[in-house]
Full PDB file with SEQRES, HELIX, SHEET, SSBOND, CRYST1, ORIGX, SCALE, CONECT and MASTER records, all heavy atoms in Angstrom:
SEQRES   1 A   41  HIS ASP PRO ALA HIS SER VAL THR TRP ASN GLY PRO ILE          
SEQRES   2 A   41  THR ARG ALA ASP TYR VAL ALA GLU ALA LEU LEU TYR PRO          
SEQRES   3 A   41  LYS THR ALA ASP GLN ASN HIS TYR SER ILE GLY GLY GLY          
SEQRES   4 A   41  PHE ALA                                                      
HELIX    1 AA1 ALA A   16  LEU A   24  1                                   9    
CRYST1    1.000    1.000    1.000  90.00  90.00  90.00 P 1           1          
ORIGX1      1.000000  0.000000  0.000000        0.00000                         
ORIGX2      0.000000  1.000000  0.000000        0.00000                         
ORIGX3      0.000000  0.000000  1.000000        0.00000                         
SCALE1      1.000000  0.000000  0.000000        0.00000                         
SCALE2      0.000000  1.000000  0.000000        0.00000                         
SCALE3      0.000000  0.000000  1.000000        0.00000                         
ATOM      1  N   HIS A   1     117.004  78.295  77.884  1.00  0.00           N  
ATOM      2  CA  HIS A   1     117.513  78.524  79.202  1.00  0.00           C  
ATOM      3  C   HIS A   1     117.321  80.031  79.546  1.00  0.00           C  
ATOM      4  O   HIS A   1     117.810  80.930  78.831  1.00  0.00           O  
ATOM      5  CB  HIS A   1     118.986  78.147  79.335  1.00  0.00           C  
ATOM      6  CG  HIS A   1     119.509  78.368  80.743  1.00  0.00           C  
ATOM      7  ND1 HIS A   1     119.127  77.653  81.849  1.00  0.00           N  
ATOM      8  CD2 HIS A   1     120.457  79.302  81.170  1.00  0.00           C  
ATOM      9  CE1 HIS A   1     119.739  78.065  82.936  1.00  0.00           C  
ATOM     10  NE2 HIS A   1     120.592  79.051  82.550  1.00  0.00           N  
ATOM     11  N   ASP A   2     116.656  80.303  80.630  1.00  0.00           N  
ATOM     12  CA  ASP A   2     116.274  81.655  81.053  1.00  0.00           C  
ATOM     13  C   ASP A   2     117.013  81.984  82.298  1.00  0.00           C  
ATOM     14  O   ASP A   2     116.589  81.665  83.426  1.00  0.00           O  
ATOM     15  CB  ASP A   2     114.739  81.700  81.280  1.00  0.00           C  
ATOM     16  CG  ASP A   2     114.346  83.133  81.609  1.00  0.00           C  
ATOM     17  OD1 ASP A   2     115.125  84.084  81.480  1.00  0.00           O  
ATOM     18  OD2 ASP A   2     113.174  83.305  82.141  1.00  0.00           O  
ATOM     19  N   PRO A   3     118.193  82.658  82.216  1.00  0.00           N  
ATOM     20  CA  PRO A   3     118.965  83.023  83.459  1.00  0.00           C  
ATOM     21  C   PRO A   3     118.192  83.966  84.314  1.00  0.00           C  
ATOM     22  O   PRO A   3     117.359  84.759  83.801  1.00  0.00           O  
ATOM     23  CB  PRO A   3     120.266  83.627  82.892  1.00  0.00           C  
ATOM     24  CG  PRO A   3     120.315  83.194  81.409  1.00  0.00           C  
ATOM     25  CD  PRO A   3     118.913  83.075  80.936  1.00  0.00           C  
ATOM     26  N   ALA A   4     118.324  83.783  85.562  1.00  0.00           N  
ATOM     27  CA  ALA A   4     117.672  84.723  86.544  1.00  0.00           C  
ATOM     28  C   ALA A   4     117.973  86.121  86.214  1.00  0.00           C  
ATOM     29  O   ALA A   4     119.075  86.568  86.025  1.00  0.00           O  
ATOM     30  CB  ALA A   4     118.077  84.353  87.979  1.00  0.00           C  
ATOM     31  N   HIS A   5     116.842  86.931  86.075  1.00  0.00           N  
ATOM     32  CA  HIS A   5     117.124  88.337  85.667  1.00  0.00           C  
ATOM     33  C   HIS A   5     116.254  89.385  86.432  1.00  0.00           C  
ATOM     34  O   HIS A   5     116.077  90.532  86.031  1.00  0.00           O  
ATOM     35  CB  HIS A   5     116.874  88.511  84.180  1.00  0.00           C  
ATOM     36  CG  HIS A   5     115.465  88.027  83.699  1.00  0.00           C  
ATOM     37  ND1 HIS A   5     115.233  86.914  83.097  1.00  0.00           N  
ATOM     38  CD2 HIS A   5     114.287  88.722  83.695  1.00  0.00           C  
ATOM     39  CE1 HIS A   5     114.004  86.750  82.793  1.00  0.00           C  
ATOM     40  NE2 HIS A   5     113.387  87.868  83.196  1.00  0.00           N  
ATOM     41  N   SER A   6     115.640  88.874  87.541  1.00  0.00           N  
ATOM     42  CA  SER A   6     114.864  89.814  88.268  1.00  0.00           C  
ATOM     43  C   SER A   6     115.839  90.795  89.070  1.00  0.00           C  
ATOM     44  O   SER A   6     116.997  90.424  89.399  1.00  0.00           O  
ATOM     45  CB  SER A   6     113.928  89.124  89.315  1.00  0.00           C  
ATOM     46  OG  SER A   6     114.711  88.378  90.225  1.00  0.00           O  
ATOM     47  N   VAL A   7     115.307  91.924  89.456  1.00  0.00           N  
ATOM     48  CA  VAL A   7     116.066  92.877  90.212  1.00  0.00           C  
ATOM     49  C   VAL A   7     116.292  92.313  91.590  1.00  0.00           C  
ATOM     50  O   VAL A   7     115.358  91.822  92.243  1.00  0.00           O  
ATOM     51  CB  VAL A   7     115.461  94.282  90.211  1.00  0.00           C  
ATOM     52  CG1 VAL A   7     116.212  95.211  91.152  1.00  0.00           C  
ATOM     53  CG2 VAL A   7     115.386  94.847  88.819  1.00  0.00           C  
ATOM     54  N   THR A   8     117.527  92.380  92.114  1.00  0.00           N  
ATOM     55  CA  THR A   8     117.858  91.884  93.494  1.00  0.00           C  
ATOM     56  C   THR A   8     118.505  92.921  94.265  1.00  0.00           C  
ATOM     57  O   THR A   8     119.174  93.830  93.810  1.00  0.00           O  
ATOM     58  CB  THR A   8     118.596  90.594  93.444  1.00  0.00           C  
ATOM     59  OG1 THR A   8     119.883  90.884  92.811  1.00  0.00           O  
ATOM     60  CG2 THR A   8     117.957  89.506  92.577  1.00  0.00           C  
ATOM     61  N   TRP A   9     118.444  92.767  95.625  1.00  0.00           N  
ATOM     62  CA  TRP A   9     119.101  93.724  96.573  1.00  0.00           C  
ATOM     63  C   TRP A   9     120.659  93.288  96.616  1.00  0.00           C  
ATOM     64  O   TRP A   9     120.958  92.093  96.809  1.00  0.00           O  
ATOM     65  CB  TRP A   9     118.551  93.570  97.957  1.00  0.00           C  
ATOM     66  CG  TRP A   9     119.365  94.321  98.967  1.00  0.00           C  
ATOM     67  CD1 TRP A   9     120.132  93.836  99.948  1.00  0.00           C  
ATOM     68  CD2 TRP A   9     119.339  95.812  99.127  1.00  0.00           C  
ATOM     69  NE1 TRP A   9     120.687  94.848 100.729  1.00  0.00           N  
ATOM     70  CE2 TRP A   9     120.220  96.056 100.243  1.00  0.00           C  
ATOM     71  CE3 TRP A   9     118.745  96.814  98.459  1.00  0.00           C  
ATOM     72  CZ2 TRP A   9     120.432  97.350 100.655  1.00  0.00           C  
ATOM     73  CZ3 TRP A   9     119.045  98.169  98.853  1.00  0.00           C  
ATOM     74  CH2 TRP A   9     119.830  98.399  99.985  1.00  0.00           C  
ATOM     75  N   ASN A  10     121.559  94.231  96.371  1.00  0.00           N  
ATOM     76  CA  ASN A  10     122.979  93.967  96.319  1.00  0.00           C  
ATOM     77  C   ASN A  10     123.772  94.740  97.366  1.00  0.00           C  
ATOM     78  O   ASN A  10     124.966  94.749  97.394  1.00  0.00           O  
ATOM     79  CB  ASN A  10     123.512  94.306  94.918  1.00  0.00           C  
ATOM     80  CG  ASN A  10     124.968  93.882  94.654  1.00  0.00           C  
ATOM     81  OD1 ASN A  10     125.205  92.743  94.910  1.00  0.00           O  
ATOM     82  ND2 ASN A  10     125.788  94.813  94.175  1.00  0.00           N  
ATOM     83  N   GLY A  11     122.992  95.403  98.232  1.00  0.00           N  
ATOM     84  CA  GLY A  11     123.571  96.255  99.253  1.00  0.00           C  
ATOM     85  C   GLY A  11     123.877  95.504 100.533  1.00  0.00           C  
ATOM     86  O   GLY A  11     123.691  94.317 100.644  1.00  0.00           O  
ATOM     87  N   PRO A  12     124.363  96.232 101.571  1.00  0.00           N  
ATOM     88  CA  PRO A  12     124.599  95.576 102.857  1.00  0.00           C  
ATOM     89  C   PRO A  12     123.276  95.243 103.533  1.00  0.00           C  
ATOM     90  O   PRO A  12     122.266  95.645 103.143  1.00  0.00           O  
ATOM     91  CB  PRO A  12     125.394  96.779 103.605  1.00  0.00           C  
ATOM     92  CG  PRO A  12     124.872  97.965 102.978  1.00  0.00           C  
ATOM     93  CD  PRO A  12     124.647  97.662 101.532  1.00  0.00           C  
ATOM     94  N   ILE A  13     123.418  94.491 104.648  1.00  0.00           N  
ATOM     95  CA  ILE A  13     122.216  94.102 105.462  1.00  0.00           C  
ATOM     96  C   ILE A  13     122.492  94.491 106.901  1.00  0.00           C  
ATOM     97  O   ILE A  13     122.128  93.731 107.877  1.00  0.00           O  
ATOM     98  CB  ILE A  13     121.886  92.659 105.343  1.00  0.00           C  
ATOM     99  CG1 ILE A  13     123.129  91.767 105.618  1.00  0.00           C  
ATOM    100  CG2 ILE A  13     121.365  92.338 103.959  1.00  0.00           C  
ATOM    101  CD1 ILE A  13     122.834  90.295 105.704  1.00  0.00           C  
ATOM    102  N   THR A  14     122.991  95.709 107.161  1.00  0.00           N  
ATOM    103  CA  THR A  14     123.340  96.153 108.483  1.00  0.00           C  
ATOM    104  C   THR A  14     122.280  97.037 109.159  1.00  0.00           C  
ATOM    105  O   THR A  14     122.433  97.374 110.305  1.00  0.00           O  
ATOM    106  CB  THR A  14     124.643  96.936 108.431  1.00  0.00           C  
ATOM    107  OG1 THR A  14     124.519  98.023 107.404  1.00  0.00           O  
ATOM    108  CG2 THR A  14     125.865  96.003 107.979  1.00  0.00           C  
ATOM    109  N   ARG A  15     121.234  97.431 108.317  1.00  0.00           N  
ATOM    110  CA  ARG A  15     120.210  98.227 108.870  1.00  0.00           C  
ATOM    111  C   ARG A  15     118.832  97.604 108.619  1.00  0.00           C  
ATOM    112  O   ARG A  15     118.740  96.799 107.670  1.00  0.00           O  
ATOM    113  CB  ARG A  15     120.256  99.637 108.249  1.00  0.00           C  
ATOM    114  CG  ARG A  15     121.433 100.459 108.636  1.00  0.00           C  
ATOM    115  CD  ARG A  15     121.448 101.894 108.087  1.00  0.00           C  
ATOM    116  NE  ARG A  15     120.413 102.180 107.138  1.00  0.00           N  
ATOM    117  CZ  ARG A  15     120.403 103.278 106.337  1.00  0.00           C  
ATOM    118  NH1 ARG A  15     121.570 104.006 106.382  1.00  0.00           N  
ATOM    119  NH2 ARG A  15     119.486 103.555 105.538  1.00  0.00           N  
ATOM    120  N   ALA A  16     117.844  98.062 109.369  1.00  0.00           N  
ATOM    121  CA  ALA A  16     116.521  97.479 109.199  1.00  0.00           C  
ATOM    122  C   ALA A  16     115.958  97.680 107.815  1.00  0.00           C  
ATOM    123  O   ALA A  16     115.411  96.718 107.192  1.00  0.00           O  
ATOM    124  CB  ALA A  16     115.517  98.061 110.184  1.00  0.00           C  
ATOM    125  N   ASP A  17     116.137  98.869 107.241  1.00  0.00           N  
ATOM    126  CA  ASP A  17     115.562  99.096 105.924  1.00  0.00           C  
ATOM    127  C   ASP A  17     116.356  98.336 104.859  1.00  0.00           C  
ATOM    128  O   ASP A  17     115.824  97.872 103.820  1.00  0.00           O  
ATOM    129  CB  ASP A  17     115.555 100.598 105.541  1.00  0.00           C  
ATOM    130  CG  ASP A  17     116.861 101.311 105.714  1.00  0.00           C  
ATOM    131  OD1 ASP A  17     117.744 100.739 106.306  1.00  0.00           O  
ATOM    132  OD2 ASP A  17     116.972 102.463 105.274  1.00  0.00           O  
ATOM    133  N   TYR A  18     117.700  98.082 105.057  1.00  0.00           N  
ATOM    134  CA  TYR A  18     118.392  97.241 104.085  1.00  0.00           C  
ATOM    135  C   TYR A  18     117.964  95.781 104.160  1.00  0.00           C  
ATOM    136  O   TYR A  18     117.790  95.110 103.115  1.00  0.00           O  
ATOM    137  CB  TYR A  18     119.899  97.298 104.476  1.00  0.00           C  
ATOM    138  CG  TYR A  18     120.567  98.670 104.223  1.00  0.00           C  
ATOM    139  CD1 TYR A  18     121.810  98.917 104.756  1.00  0.00           C  
ATOM    140  CD2 TYR A  18     119.882  99.673 103.532  1.00  0.00           C  
ATOM    141  CE1 TYR A  18     122.410 100.138 104.531  1.00  0.00           C  
ATOM    142  CE2 TYR A  18     120.469 100.886 103.328  1.00  0.00           C  
ATOM    143  CZ  TYR A  18     121.726 101.136 103.863  1.00  0.00           C  
ATOM    144  OH  TYR A  18     122.378 102.378 103.688  1.00  0.00           O  
ATOM    145  N   VAL A  19     117.755  95.227 105.369  1.00  0.00           N  
ATOM    146  CA  VAL A  19     117.261  93.875 105.452  1.00  0.00           C  
ATOM    147  C   VAL A  19     115.924  93.693 104.869  1.00  0.00           C  
ATOM    148  O   VAL A  19     115.615  92.670 104.232  1.00  0.00           O  
ATOM    149  CB  VAL A  19     117.282  93.341 106.902  1.00  0.00           C  
ATOM    150  CG1 VAL A  19     116.974  91.845 106.988  1.00  0.00           C  
ATOM    151  CG2 VAL A  19     118.654  93.640 107.532  1.00  0.00           C  
ATOM    152  N   ALA A  20     115.096  94.742 104.997  1.00  0.00           N  
ATOM    153  CA  ALA A  20     113.767  94.721 104.514  1.00  0.00           C  
ATOM    154  C   ALA A  20     113.878  94.607 102.966  1.00  0.00           C  
ATOM    155  O   ALA A  20     113.077  93.721 102.358  1.00  0.00           O  
ATOM    156  CB  ALA A  20     113.030  96.027 104.837  1.00  0.00           C  
ATOM    157  N   GLU A  21     114.716  95.283 102.294  1.00  0.00           N  
ATOM    158  CA  GLU A  21     114.795  95.154 100.833  1.00  0.00           C  
ATOM    159  C   GLU A  21     115.396  93.766 100.452  1.00  0.00           C  
ATOM    160  O   GLU A  21     114.945  93.206  99.499  1.00  0.00           O  
ATOM    161  CB  GLU A  21     115.836  96.233 100.343  1.00  0.00           C  
ATOM    162  CG  GLU A  21     115.417  97.683 100.577  1.00  0.00           C  
ATOM    163  CD  GLU A  21     114.272  98.108  99.686  1.00  0.00           C  
ATOM    164  OE1 GLU A  21     113.655  97.311  99.051  1.00  0.00           O  
ATOM    165  OE2 GLU A  21     114.053  99.381  99.652  1.00  0.00           O  
ATOM    166  N   ALA A  22     116.324  93.261 101.278  1.00  0.00           N  
ATOM    167  CA  ALA A  22     116.820  91.965 100.936  1.00  0.00           C  
ATOM    168  C   ALA A  22     115.795  90.861 101.121  1.00  0.00           C  
ATOM    169  O   ALA A  22     115.843  89.789 100.355  1.00  0.00           O  
ATOM    170  CB  ALA A  22     118.013  91.671 101.935  1.00  0.00           C  
ATOM    171  N   LEU A  23     114.821  91.041 102.021  1.00  0.00           N  
ATOM    172  CA  LEU A  23     113.712  90.084 102.175  1.00  0.00           C  
ATOM    173  C   LEU A  23     112.851  89.949 100.937  1.00  0.00           C  
ATOM    174  O   LEU A  23     112.441  88.901 100.508  1.00  0.00           O  
ATOM    175  CB  LEU A  23     112.808  90.514 103.351  1.00  0.00           C  
ATOM    176  CG  LEU A  23     113.166  89.877 104.673  1.00  0.00           C  
ATOM    177  CD1 LEU A  23     112.289  90.604 105.750  1.00  0.00           C  
ATOM    178  CD2 LEU A  23     112.905  88.429 104.755  1.00  0.00           C  
ATOM    179  N   LEU A  24     112.565  91.098 100.329  1.00  0.00           N  
ATOM    180  CA  LEU A  24     111.644  91.141  99.160  1.00  0.00           C  
ATOM    181  C   LEU A  24     112.377  91.038  97.866  1.00  0.00           C  
ATOM    182  O   LEU A  24     111.782  90.745  96.839  1.00  0.00           O  
ATOM    183  CB  LEU A  24     110.745  92.349  99.211  1.00  0.00           C  
ATOM    184  CG  LEU A  24     109.764  92.307 100.415  1.00  0.00           C  
ATOM    185  CD1 LEU A  24     108.901  93.564 100.494  1.00  0.00           C  
ATOM    186  CD2 LEU A  24     108.807  91.111 100.299  1.00  0.00           C  
ATOM    187  N   TYR A  25     113.664  91.227  97.821  1.00  0.00           N  
ATOM    188  CA  TYR A  25     114.377  91.174  96.550  1.00  0.00           C  
ATOM    189  C   TYR A  25     115.569  90.198  96.676  1.00  0.00           C  
ATOM    190  O   TYR A  25     116.723  90.687  96.517  1.00  0.00           O  
ATOM    191  CB  TYR A  25     114.778  92.543  96.071  1.00  0.00           C  
ATOM    192  CG  TYR A  25     113.578  93.288  95.752  1.00  0.00           C  
ATOM    193  CD1 TYR A  25     113.021  94.244  96.671  1.00  0.00           C  
ATOM    194  CD2 TYR A  25     112.957  93.148  94.544  1.00  0.00           C  
ATOM    195  CE1 TYR A  25     111.889  94.946  96.346  1.00  0.00           C  
ATOM    196  CE2 TYR A  25     111.803  93.857  94.160  1.00  0.00           C  
ATOM    197  CZ  TYR A  25     111.263  94.722  95.134  1.00  0.00           C  
ATOM    198  OH  TYR A  25     110.101  95.426  94.793  1.00  0.00           O  
ATOM    199  N   PRO A  26     115.337  88.965  97.032  1.00  0.00           N  
ATOM    200  CA  PRO A  26     116.472  87.982  97.105  1.00  0.00           C  
ATOM    201  C   PRO A  26     116.837  87.598  95.789  1.00  0.00           C  
ATOM    202  O   PRO A  26     116.226  87.836  94.715  1.00  0.00           O  
ATOM    203  CB  PRO A  26     115.820  86.852  97.842  1.00  0.00           C  
ATOM    204  CG  PRO A  26     114.387  86.861  97.456  1.00  0.00           C  
ATOM    205  CD  PRO A  26     114.076  88.397  97.239  1.00  0.00           C  
ATOM    206  N   LYS A  27     117.967  86.866  95.718  1.00  0.00           N  
ATOM    207  CA  LYS A  27     118.431  86.315  94.413  1.00  0.00           C  
ATOM    208  C   LYS A  27     117.402  85.202  93.955  1.00  0.00           C  
ATOM    209  O   LYS A  27     116.954  84.471  94.784  1.00  0.00           O  
ATOM    210  CB  LYS A  27     119.849  85.663  94.551  1.00  0.00           C  
ATOM    211  CG  LYS A  27     120.905  86.634  94.794  1.00  0.00           C  
ATOM    212  CD  LYS A  27     122.289  85.976  94.907  1.00  0.00           C  
ATOM    213  CE  LYS A  27     123.436  87.070  95.149  1.00  0.00           C  
ATOM    214  NZ  LYS A  27     124.748  86.474  95.281  1.00  0.00           N  
ATOM    215  N   THR A  28     117.188  85.181  92.710  1.00  0.00           N  
ATOM    216  CA  THR A  28     116.259  84.168  92.141  1.00  0.00           C  
ATOM    217  C   THR A  28     117.002  83.113  91.366  1.00  0.00           C  
ATOM    218  O   THR A  28     118.174  83.231  91.105  1.00  0.00           O  
ATOM    219  CB  THR A  28     115.264  84.890  91.262  1.00  0.00           C  
ATOM    220  OG1 THR A  28     115.964  85.666  90.290  1.00  0.00           O  
ATOM    221  CG2 THR A  28     114.374  85.861  92.086  1.00  0.00           C  
ATOM    222  N   ALA A  29     116.288  82.135  90.987  1.00  0.00           N  
ATOM    223  CA  ALA A  29     116.902  80.945  90.240  1.00  0.00           C  
ATOM    224  C   ALA A  29     116.625  81.005  88.729  1.00  0.00           C  
ATOM    225  O   ALA A  29     115.671  81.672  88.346  1.00  0.00           O  
ATOM    226  CB  ALA A  29     116.381  79.671  90.774  1.00  0.00           C  
ATOM    227  N   ASP A  30     117.504  80.408  88.006  1.00  0.00           N  
ATOM    228  CA  ASP A  30     117.331  80.177  86.572  1.00  0.00           C  
ATOM    229  C   ASP A  30     116.144  79.398  86.285  1.00  0.00           C  
ATOM    230  O   ASP A  30     115.658  78.668  87.150  1.00  0.00           O  
ATOM    231  CB  ASP A  30     118.564  79.538  85.907  1.00  0.00           C  
ATOM    232  CG  ASP A  30     119.802  80.369  86.024  1.00  0.00           C  
ATOM    233  OD1 ASP A  30     119.781  81.495  86.585  1.00  0.00           O  
ATOM    234  OD2 ASP A  30     120.911  79.851  85.616  1.00  0.00           O  
ATOM    235  N   GLN A  31     115.547  79.528  85.109  1.00  0.00           N  
ATOM    236  CA  GLN A  31     114.399  78.700  84.650  1.00  0.00           C  
ATOM    237  C   GLN A  31     114.754  78.016  83.413  1.00  0.00           C  
ATOM    238  O   GLN A  31     115.433  78.511  82.503  1.00  0.00           O  
ATOM    239  CB  GLN A  31     113.139  79.524  84.516  1.00  0.00           C  
ATOM    240  CG  GLN A  31     112.565  80.045  85.815  1.00  0.00           C  
ATOM    241  CD  GLN A  31     111.153  80.629  85.567  1.00  0.00           C  
ATOM    242  OE1 GLN A  31     110.237  79.900  85.241  1.00  0.00           O  
ATOM    243  NE2 GLN A  31     111.036  81.916  85.801  1.00  0.00           N  
ATOM    244  N   ASN A  32     114.278  76.780  83.239  1.00  0.00           N  
ATOM    245  CA  ASN A  32     114.408  76.027  82.004  1.00  0.00           C  
ATOM    246  C   ASN A  32     113.061  75.899  81.372  1.00  0.00           C  
ATOM    247  O   ASN A  32     112.081  75.434  82.019  1.00  0.00           O  
ATOM    248  CB  ASN A  32     115.089  74.671  82.256  1.00  0.00           C  
ATOM    249  CG  ASN A  32     116.434  74.767  82.669  1.00  0.00           C  
ATOM    250  OD1 ASN A  32     117.293  75.431  82.082  1.00  0.00           O  
ATOM    251  ND2 ASN A  32     116.793  74.084  83.772  1.00  0.00           N  
ATOM    252  N   HIS A  33     112.921  76.259  80.106  1.00  0.00           N  
ATOM    253  CA  HIS A  33     111.683  76.201  79.372  1.00  0.00           C  
ATOM    254  C   HIS A  33     111.746  75.057  78.357  1.00  0.00           C  
ATOM    255  O   HIS A  33     112.748  74.854  77.662  1.00  0.00           O  
ATOM    256  CB  HIS A  33     111.426  77.583  78.591  1.00  0.00           C  
ATOM    257  CG  HIS A  33     111.188  78.684  79.421  1.00  0.00           C  
ATOM    258  ND1 HIS A  33     109.990  79.383  79.468  1.00  0.00           N  
ATOM    259  CD2 HIS A  33     111.934  79.385  80.343  1.00  0.00           C  
ATOM    260  CE1 HIS A  33     110.033  80.369  80.319  1.00  0.00           C  
ATOM    261  NE2 HIS A  33     111.272  80.407  80.839  1.00  0.00           N  
ATOM    262  N   TYR A  34     110.581  74.428  78.306  1.00  0.00           N  
ATOM    263  CA  TYR A  34     110.388  73.301  77.332  1.00  0.00           C  
ATOM    264  C   TYR A  34     109.172  73.628  76.485  1.00  0.00           C  
ATOM    265  O   TYR A  34     108.085  74.068  77.081  1.00  0.00           O  
ATOM    266  CB  TYR A  34     110.246  71.958  77.996  1.00  0.00           C  
ATOM    267  CG  TYR A  34     111.442  71.658  78.823  1.00  0.00           C  
ATOM    268  CD1 TYR A  34     111.435  72.017  80.282  1.00  0.00           C  
ATOM    269  CD2 TYR A  34     112.570  70.986  78.379  1.00  0.00           C  
ATOM    270  CE1 TYR A  34     112.525  71.758  81.031  1.00  0.00           C  
ATOM    271  CE2 TYR A  34     113.638  70.695  79.194  1.00  0.00           C  
ATOM    272  CZ  TYR A  34     113.631  71.080  80.561  1.00  0.00           C  
ATOM    273  OH  TYR A  34     114.729  70.857  81.345  1.00  0.00           O  
ATOM    274  N   SER A  35     109.235  73.443  75.226  1.00  0.00           N  
ATOM    275  CA  SER A  35     108.149  73.775  74.361  1.00  0.00           C  
ATOM    276  C   SER A  35     107.833  72.585  73.362  1.00  0.00           C  
ATOM    277  O   SER A  35     108.706  71.897  72.946  1.00  0.00           O  
ATOM    278  CB  SER A  35     108.397  75.049  73.577  1.00  0.00           C  
ATOM    279  OG  SER A  35     109.481  74.928  72.707  1.00  0.00           O  
ATOM    280  N   ILE A  36     106.575  72.528  72.957  1.00  0.00           N  
ATOM    281  CA  ILE A  36     106.126  71.642  71.912  1.00  0.00           C  
ATOM    282  C   ILE A  36     105.141  72.344  71.004  1.00  0.00           C  
ATOM    283  O   ILE A  36     104.550  73.294  71.395  1.00  0.00           O  
ATOM    284  CB  ILE A  36     105.433  70.323  72.517  1.00  0.00           C  
ATOM    285  CG1 ILE A  36     104.263  70.717  73.381  1.00  0.00           C  
ATOM    286  CG2 ILE A  36     106.477  69.465  73.260  1.00  0.00           C  
ATOM    287  CD1 ILE A  36     103.431  69.545  73.851  1.00  0.00           C  
ATOM    288  N   GLY A  37     105.014  71.891  69.805  1.00  0.00           N  
ATOM    289  CA  GLY A  37     104.067  72.502  68.915  1.00  0.00           C  
ATOM    290  C   GLY A  37     103.868  71.691  67.665  1.00  0.00           C  
ATOM    291  O   GLY A  37     104.407  70.627  67.441  1.00  0.00           O  
ATOM    292  N   GLY A  38     103.026  72.194  66.783  1.00  0.00           N  
ATOM    293  CA  GLY A  38     102.691  71.493  65.538  1.00  0.00           C  
ATOM    294  C   GLY A  38     101.969  72.461  64.579  1.00  0.00           C  
ATOM    295  O   GLY A  38     101.723  73.653  64.897  1.00  0.00           O  
ATOM    296  N   GLY A  39     101.733  72.021  63.366  1.00  0.00           N  
ATOM    297  CA  GLY A  39     101.010  72.810  62.468  1.00  0.00           C  
ATOM    298  C   GLY A  39     100.613  72.140  61.174  1.00  0.00           C  
ATOM    299  O   GLY A  39     101.168  71.028  60.906  1.00  0.00           O  
ATOM    300  N   PHE A  40      99.729  72.680  60.435  1.00  0.00           N  
ATOM    301  CA  PHE A  40      99.236  72.147  59.184  1.00  0.00           C  
ATOM    302  C   PHE A  40      99.435  73.182  58.046  1.00  0.00           C  
ATOM    303  O   PHE A  40      99.211  74.382  58.310  1.00  0.00           O  
ATOM    304  CB  PHE A  40      97.757  71.689  59.169  1.00  0.00           C  
ATOM    305  CG  PHE A  40      97.507  70.611  60.190  1.00  0.00           C  
ATOM    306  CD1 PHE A  40      97.192  70.882  61.488  1.00  0.00           C  
ATOM    307  CD2 PHE A  40      97.541  69.300  59.731  1.00  0.00           C  
ATOM    308  CE1 PHE A  40      96.983  69.845  62.413  1.00  0.00           C  
ATOM    309  CE2 PHE A  40      97.328  68.247  60.657  1.00  0.00           C  
ATOM    310  CZ  PHE A  40      97.013  68.559  61.976  1.00  0.00           C  
ATOM    311  N   ALA A  41      99.930  72.752  56.917  1.00  0.00           N  
ATOM    312  CA  ALA A  41     100.226  73.680  55.843  1.00  0.00           C  
ATOM    313  C   ALA A  41      99.533  73.331  54.512  1.00  0.00           C  
ATOM    314  O   ALA A  41      99.620  72.178  54.114  1.00  0.00           O  
ATOM    315  CB  ALA A  41     101.752  73.784  55.585  1.00  0.00           C  
TER     316      ALA A  41                                                      
MASTER        0    0    0    1    0    0    0    6  315    1    0    4          
END                                                                             
């Protein structure tokens, strides 16, 4: 389980430059990874 860890905007959204940052740095979602594999010894 890979919890969301990207950088996000945590400031207010009362100014144009603040909303701009919130647009490009929104909260992201967790990811679930599944793996398979094999080998010969």
